[in-house]
Amino acid sequence: MAAAPEAGEPGKGKPFKLLGILDVENIPCARDSTLYGSLGSVVAGLGHFLLTSRIRRSCDVGIGGFILVTLGCWFHCRYNYAKLRIQERRAREGIKNKILYESTHLDPERKQTNSGSSSN
């Protein structure tokens, strides 16, 4: 029988943690990196086994493939995530400045329109 959800959290149970430390649901990029890493592990291990028929070495190659693919996907995703956060912050600051300086003597758009009309 499934456990009933708590009163404060409708439909949410205990968060899934990989190895007890990595909260896959709440950490950005953790889920995708883990899934791609496991796929890389299967491909590397199975490919090495089909080529060499050495079981122990193929397991080692599979573990190495998991580590390499997981870390590669993790760093790539976190880099893109950080770039997106910087762009969002710049856009938020720009909107805030637009609202703050609109219709004042500090408004850059007002300076452009005034200088253009005074030269005619």
N, C-alpha and C. Protein backbone atom coordinates (compact mmCIF):
# COMPACT_ATOMS: atom_id res chain seq x y z
N MET A 1 0.83 -1.17 0.00
CA MET A 1 0.00 0.00 0.00
C MET A 1 0.88 1.24 0.00
N ALA A 2 0.52 2.22 -0.78
CA ALA A 2 1.31 3.45 -0.88
C ALA A 2 1.04 4.35 0.33
N ALA A 3 2.07 5.06 0.73
CA ALA A 3 1.93 5.99 1.86
C ALA A 3 1.13 7.21 1.42
N ALA A 4 0.28 7.69 2.30
CA ALA A 4 -0.54 8.86 1.99
C ALA A 4 0.32 10.11 2.04
N PRO A 5 0.10 11.07 1.12
CA PRO A 5 0.88 12.31 1.16
C PRO A 5 0.55 13.11 2.41
N GLU A 6 1.52 13.87 2.87
CA GLU A 6 1.31 14.70 4.05
C GLU A 6 0.35 15.83 3.74
N ALA A 7 -0.21 16.43 4.79
CA ALA A 7 -1.23 17.46 4.61
C ALA A 7 -0.68 18.71 3.92
N GLY A 8 0.58 19.06 4.18
CA GLY A 8 1.16 20.27 3.61
C GLY A 8 1.61 20.12 2.17
N GLU A 9 1.81 18.89 1.73
CA GLU A 9 2.33 18.64 0.39
C GLU A 9 1.39 17.71 -0.37
N PRO A 10 0.47 18.26 -1.16
CA PRO A 10 -0.43 17.38 -1.90
C PRO A 10 0.29 16.70 -3.06
N GLY A 11 0.26 15.37 -3.06
CA GLY A 11 0.83 14.61 -4.16
C GLY A 11 2.34 14.46 -4.14
N LYS A 12 3.03 15.04 -3.17
CA LYS A 12 4.48 14.93 -3.12
C LYS A 12 4.87 14.04 -1.95
N GLY A 13 5.76 13.12 -2.23
CA GLY A 13 6.28 12.26 -1.18
C GLY A 13 7.68 12.68 -0.81
N LYS A 14 8.43 11.73 -0.34
CA LYS A 14 9.82 11.97 0.04
C LYS A 14 10.65 12.19 -1.22
N PRO A 15 11.54 13.20 -1.25
CA PRO A 15 12.33 13.44 -2.46
C PRO A 15 13.30 12.30 -2.73
N PHE A 16 13.55 12.01 -4.01
CA PHE A 16 14.46 10.94 -4.41
C PHE A 16 15.89 11.45 -4.35
N LYS A 17 16.72 10.75 -3.59
CA LYS A 17 18.13 11.12 -3.47
C LYS A 17 18.98 9.97 -3.97
N LEU A 18 19.88 10.29 -4.89
CA LEU A 18 20.79 9.30 -5.44
C LEU A 18 21.97 9.14 -4.50
N LEU A 19 22.24 7.92 -4.07
CA LEU A 19 23.30 7.60 -3.12
C LEU A 19 23.12 8.33 -1.78
N GLY A 20 21.93 8.81 -1.52
CA GLY A 20 21.63 9.48 -0.26
C GLY A 20 22.10 10.92 -0.18
N ILE A 21 22.79 11.44 -1.20
CA ILE A 21 23.33 12.80 -1.12
C ILE A 21 22.86 13.70 -2.24
N LEU A 22 22.59 13.17 -3.41
CA LEU A 22 22.27 13.99 -4.58
C LEU A 22 20.77 14.02 -4.78
N ASP A 23 20.14 15.14 -4.45
CA ASP A 23 18.70 15.30 -4.61
C ASP A 23 18.40 15.56 -6.09
N VAL A 24 18.02 14.51 -6.78
CA VAL A 24 17.88 14.55 -8.23
C VAL A 24 16.72 15.44 -8.67
N GLU A 25 15.69 15.57 -7.85
CA GLU A 25 14.52 16.35 -8.24
C GLU A 25 14.74 17.86 -8.15
N ASN A 26 15.52 18.31 -7.19
CA ASN A 26 15.63 19.74 -6.92
C ASN A 26 16.91 20.39 -7.43
N ILE A 27 17.94 19.63 -7.71
CA ILE A 27 19.20 20.20 -8.18
C ILE A 27 19.14 20.28 -9.70
N PRO A 28 19.32 21.48 -10.27
CA PRO A 28 19.29 21.59 -11.73
C PRO A 28 20.40 20.74 -12.36
N CYS A 29 20.09 20.09 -13.44
CA CYS A 29 21.02 19.29 -14.25
C CYS A 29 21.34 17.93 -13.65
N ALA A 30 20.97 17.62 -12.44
CA ALA A 30 21.35 16.35 -11.83
C ALA A 30 20.64 15.18 -12.51
N ARG A 31 19.38 15.34 -12.81
CA ARG A 31 18.62 14.26 -13.42
C ARG A 31 19.14 13.92 -14.81
N ASP A 32 19.30 14.93 -15.65
CA ASP A 32 19.78 14.69 -17.01
C ASP A 32 21.18 14.12 -17.02
N SER A 33 22.05 14.64 -16.18
CA SER A 33 23.43 14.15 -16.14
C SER A 33 23.48 12.69 -15.72
N THR A 34 22.66 12.32 -14.74
CA THR A 34 22.64 10.94 -14.27
C THR A 34 22.09 10.01 -15.35
N LEU A 35 21.03 10.44 -16.02
CA LEU A 35 20.47 9.60 -17.07
C LEU A 35 21.42 9.42 -18.24
N TYR A 36 22.05 10.51 -18.69
CA TYR A 36 23.01 10.40 -19.77
C TYR A 36 24.23 9.58 -19.35
N GLY A 37 24.63 9.72 -18.10
CA GLY A 37 25.76 8.93 -17.59
C GLY A 37 25.47 7.45 -17.58
N SER A 38 24.26 7.08 -17.17
CA SER A 38 23.92 5.66 -17.17
C SER A 38 23.83 5.11 -18.59
N LEU A 39 23.33 5.90 -19.52
CA LEU A 39 23.31 5.47 -20.91
C LEU A 39 24.73 5.34 -21.46
N GLY A 40 25.60 6.28 -21.13
CA GLY A 40 26.99 6.19 -21.55
C GLY A 40 27.69 4.98 -20.96
N SER A 41 27.33 4.62 -19.74
CA SER A 41 27.90 3.45 -19.09
C SER A 41 27.52 2.18 -19.83
N VAL A 42 26.25 2.07 -20.17
CA VAL A 42 25.79 0.87 -20.89
C VAL A 42 26.44 0.78 -22.26
N VAL A 43 26.49 1.89 -22.98
CA VAL A 43 27.08 1.89 -24.32
C VAL A 43 28.57 1.55 -24.25
N ALA A 44 29.30 2.18 -23.34
CA ALA A 44 30.74 1.93 -23.25
C ALA A 44 31.03 0.50 -22.81
N GLY A 45 30.34 0.04 -21.78
CA GLY A 45 30.59 -1.32 -21.28
C GLY A 45 30.20 -2.39 -22.28
N LEU A 46 29.02 -2.23 -22.88
CA LEU A 46 28.56 -3.23 -23.84
C LEU A 46 29.42 -3.21 -25.11
N GLY A 47 29.78 -2.01 -25.55
CA GLY A 47 30.65 -1.91 -26.73
C GLY A 47 32.00 -2.55 -26.49
N HIS A 48 32.58 -2.31 -25.32
CA HIS A 48 33.88 -2.91 -25.00
C HIS A 48 33.76 -4.42 -24.88
N PHE A 49 32.66 -4.90 -24.31
CA PHE A 49 32.46 -6.35 -24.19
C PHE A 49 32.31 -7.00 -25.56
N LEU A 50 31.57 -6.36 -26.45
CA LEU A 50 31.39 -6.93 -27.79
C LEU A 50 32.70 -6.96 -28.57
N LEU A 51 33.57 -6.01 -28.31
CA LEU A 51 34.85 -5.98 -29.02
C LEU A 51 35.88 -6.94 -28.43
N THR A 52 35.90 -7.09 -27.10
CA THR A 52 36.98 -7.85 -26.47
C THR A 52 36.54 -9.12 -25.75
N SER A 53 35.28 -9.23 -25.37
CA SER A 53 34.73 -10.36 -24.60
C SER A 53 35.40 -10.52 -23.23
N ARG A 54 35.91 -9.44 -22.68
CA ARG A 54 36.49 -9.47 -21.34
C ARG A 54 35.50 -8.81 -20.39
N ILE A 55 34.95 -9.61 -19.48
CA ILE A 55 33.86 -9.14 -18.63
C ILE A 55 34.34 -8.10 -17.62
N ARG A 56 35.39 -8.41 -16.89
CA ARG A 56 35.84 -7.50 -15.84
C ARG A 56 36.28 -6.15 -16.42
N ARG A 57 37.05 -6.19 -17.49
CA ARG A 57 37.52 -4.95 -18.11
C ARG A 57 36.33 -4.15 -18.66
N SER A 58 35.32 -4.85 -19.18
CA SER A 58 34.14 -4.17 -19.72
C SER A 58 33.37 -3.45 -18.62
N CYS A 59 33.30 -4.06 -17.44
CA CYS A 59 32.65 -3.39 -16.30
C CYS A 59 33.43 -2.15 -15.89
N ASP A 60 34.75 -2.25 -15.90
CA ASP A 60 35.58 -1.09 -15.58
C ASP A 60 35.38 0.03 -16.60
N VAL A 61 35.31 -0.34 -17.87
CA VAL A 61 35.09 0.66 -18.92
C VAL A 61 33.70 1.27 -18.77
N GLY A 62 32.71 0.46 -18.39
CA GLY A 62 31.36 0.98 -18.17
C GLY A 62 31.32 1.99 -17.03
N ILE A 63 32.02 1.70 -15.95
CA ILE A 63 32.07 2.65 -14.82
C ILE A 63 32.80 3.92 -15.23
N GLY A 64 33.89 3.77 -15.96
CA GLY A 64 34.61 4.94 -16.45
C GLY A 64 33.75 5.76 -17.39
N GLY A 65 32.98 5.09 -18.24
CA GLY A 65 32.06 5.79 -19.15
C GLY A 65 31.00 6.55 -18.39
N PHE A 66 30.49 5.93 -17.31
CA PHE A 66 29.48 6.62 -16.49
C PHE A 66 30.06 7.90 -15.89
N ILE A 67 31.25 7.80 -15.33
CA ILE A 67 31.87 8.96 -14.69
C ILE A 67 32.14 10.06 -15.69
N LEU A 68 32.74 9.70 -16.83
CA LEU A 68 33.08 10.71 -17.83
C LEU A 68 31.85 11.40 -18.42
N VAL A 69 30.86 10.61 -18.80
CA VAL A 69 29.66 11.19 -19.42
C VAL A 69 28.88 12.01 -18.41
N THR A 70 28.77 11.52 -17.18
CA THR A 70 28.03 12.27 -16.15
C THR A 70 28.70 13.61 -15.87
N LEU A 71 30.02 13.60 -15.68
CA LEU A 71 30.71 14.85 -15.41
C LEU A 71 30.68 15.80 -16.60
N GLY A 72 30.82 15.25 -17.81
CA GLY A 72 30.76 16.08 -19.01
C GLY A 72 29.40 16.75 -19.16
N CYS A 73 28.34 15.98 -18.99
CA CYS A 73 26.99 16.54 -19.08
C CYS A 73 26.72 17.52 -17.95
N TRP A 74 27.22 17.22 -16.76
CA TRP A 74 27.01 18.08 -15.61
C TRP A 74 27.63 19.45 -15.84
N PHE A 75 28.91 19.48 -16.25
CA PHE A 75 29.58 20.76 -16.45
C PHE A 75 28.97 21.54 -17.61
N HIS A 76 28.62 20.87 -18.68
CA HIS A 76 27.99 21.55 -19.81
C HIS A 76 26.65 22.16 -19.41
N CYS A 77 25.84 21.39 -18.71
CA CYS A 77 24.52 21.88 -18.29
C CYS A 77 24.64 23.02 -17.28
N ARG A 78 25.55 22.90 -16.32
CA ARG A 78 25.70 23.95 -15.32
C ARG A 78 26.24 25.24 -15.93
N TYR A 79 27.12 25.11 -16.94
CA TYR A 79 27.63 26.30 -17.63
C TYR A 79 26.48 27.03 -18.33
N ASN A 80 25.65 26.27 -19.06
CA ASN A 80 24.51 26.89 -19.73
C ASN A 80 23.50 27.46 -18.73
N TYR A 81 23.33 26.79 -17.61
CA TYR A 81 22.42 27.27 -16.57
C TYR A 81 22.93 28.59 -15.98
N ALA A 82 24.23 28.68 -15.76
CA ALA A 82 24.81 29.92 -15.21
C ALA A 82 24.68 31.06 -16.22
N LYS A 83 24.91 30.78 -17.52
CA LYS A 83 24.74 31.80 -18.55
C LYS A 83 23.30 32.31 -18.59
N LEU A 84 22.36 31.39 -18.48
CA LEU A 84 20.94 31.77 -18.50
C LEU A 84 20.60 32.63 -17.29
N ARG A 85 21.13 32.29 -16.13
CA ARG A 85 20.87 33.09 -14.92
C ARG A 85 21.44 34.50 -15.07
N ILE A 86 22.61 34.64 -15.67
CA ILE A 86 23.22 35.96 -15.88
C ILE A 86 22.36 36.78 -16.83
N GLN A 87 21.88 36.15 -17.91
CA GLN A 87 21.01 36.85 -18.87
C GLN A 87 19.71 37.29 -18.21
N GLU A 88 19.14 36.43 -17.38
CA GLU A 88 17.91 36.78 -16.68
C GLU A 88 18.14 37.95 -15.73
N ARG A 89 19.27 37.94 -15.03
CA ARG A 89 19.57 39.03 -14.09
C ARG A 89 19.74 40.35 -14.84
N ARG A 90 20.44 40.32 -15.98
CA ARG A 90 20.61 41.53 -16.78
C ARG A 90 19.27 42.06 -17.28
N ALA A 91 18.41 41.16 -17.73
CA ALA A 91 17.08 41.57 -18.22
C ALA A 91 16.26 42.17 -17.08
N ARG A 92 16.31 41.54 -15.90
CA ARG A 92 15.57 42.07 -14.75
C ARG A 92 16.06 43.47 -14.37
N GLU A 93 17.39 43.66 -14.37
CA GLU A 93 17.95 44.98 -14.05
C GLU A 93 17.55 46.00 -15.11
N GLY A 94 17.56 45.60 -16.37
CA GLY A 94 17.16 46.51 -17.45
C GLY A 94 15.70 46.93 -17.33
N ILE A 95 14.84 45.98 -17.02
CA ILE A 95 13.42 46.32 -16.84
C ILE A 95 13.24 47.22 -15.64
N LYS A 96 13.97 46.93 -14.57
CA LYS A 96 13.86 47.76 -13.37
C LYS A 96 14.33 49.19 -13.66
N ASN A 97 15.44 49.32 -14.38
CA ASN A 97 15.95 50.65 -14.74
C ASN A 97 14.99 51.37 -15.68
N LYS A 98 14.39 50.64 -16.59
CA LYS A 98 13.43 51.25 -17.52
C LYS A 98 12.25 51.83 -16.75
N ILE A 99 11.75 51.06 -15.81
CA ILE A 99 10.63 51.54 -15.01
C ILE A 99 11.05 52.71 -14.13
N LEU A 100 12.26 52.62 -13.57
CA LEU A 100 12.74 53.65 -12.65
C LEU A 100 13.00 54.98 -13.36
N TYR A 101 13.62 54.93 -14.55
CA TYR A 101 14.05 56.15 -15.23
C TYR A 101 13.07 56.65 -16.29
N GLU A 102 11.96 55.96 -16.51
CA GLU A 102 11.03 56.36 -17.54
C GLU A 102 10.44 57.73 -17.23
N SER A 103 10.42 58.60 -18.22
CA SER A 103 9.87 59.97 -18.14
C SER A 103 10.64 60.87 -17.19
N THR A 104 11.92 60.60 -16.97
CA THR A 104 12.75 61.49 -16.16
C THR A 104 13.85 62.05 -17.06
N HIS A 105 14.62 62.99 -16.53
CA HIS A 105 15.71 63.56 -17.32
C HIS A 105 16.85 62.55 -17.52
N LEU A 106 16.85 61.43 -16.79
CA LEU A 106 17.87 60.40 -16.94
C LEU A 106 17.49 59.32 -17.95
N ASP A 107 16.31 59.41 -18.54
CA ASP A 107 15.84 58.41 -19.49
C ASP A 107 16.64 58.49 -20.79
N PRO A 108 17.36 57.42 -21.17
CA PRO A 108 18.18 57.47 -22.39
C PRO A 108 17.34 57.66 -23.65
N GLU A 109 16.14 57.11 -23.70
CA GLU A 109 15.28 57.29 -24.88
C GLU A 109 14.84 58.74 -25.03
N ARG A 110 14.62 59.40 -23.93
CA ARG A 110 14.19 60.80 -23.97
C ARG A 110 15.33 61.69 -24.48
N LYS A 111 16.56 61.37 -24.10
CA LYS A 111 17.71 62.15 -24.59
C LYS A 111 17.87 61.99 -26.09
N GLN A 112 17.65 60.78 -26.61
CA GLN A 112 17.78 60.54 -28.04
C GLN A 112 16.72 61.29 -28.82
N THR A 113 15.49 61.32 -28.36
CA THR A 113 14.43 61.99 -29.09
C THR A 113 14.58 63.51 -29.00
N ASN A 114 15.04 64.02 -27.87
CA ASN A 114 15.24 65.47 -27.72
C ASN A 114 16.39 65.95 -28.60
N SER A 115 17.48 65.20 -28.67
CA SER A 115 18.62 65.63 -29.48
C SER A 115 18.28 65.54 -30.97
N GLY A 116 17.46 64.59 -31.34
CA GLY A 116 17.08 64.46 -32.75
C GLY A 116 16.15 65.58 -33.19
N SER A 117 15.24 66.04 -32.31
CA SER A 117 14.30 67.09 -32.69
C SER A 117 14.95 68.48 -32.63
N SER A 118 15.99 68.65 -31.80
CA SER A 118 16.63 69.96 -31.70
C SER A 118 17.56 70.23 -32.89
N SER A 119 18.01 69.17 -33.57
CA SER A 119 18.92 69.38 -34.70
C SER A 119 18.15 69.77 -35.97
N ASN A 120 16.84 69.58 -36.02
CA ASN A 120 16.05 69.95 -37.20
C ASN A 120 15.78 71.39 -37.29
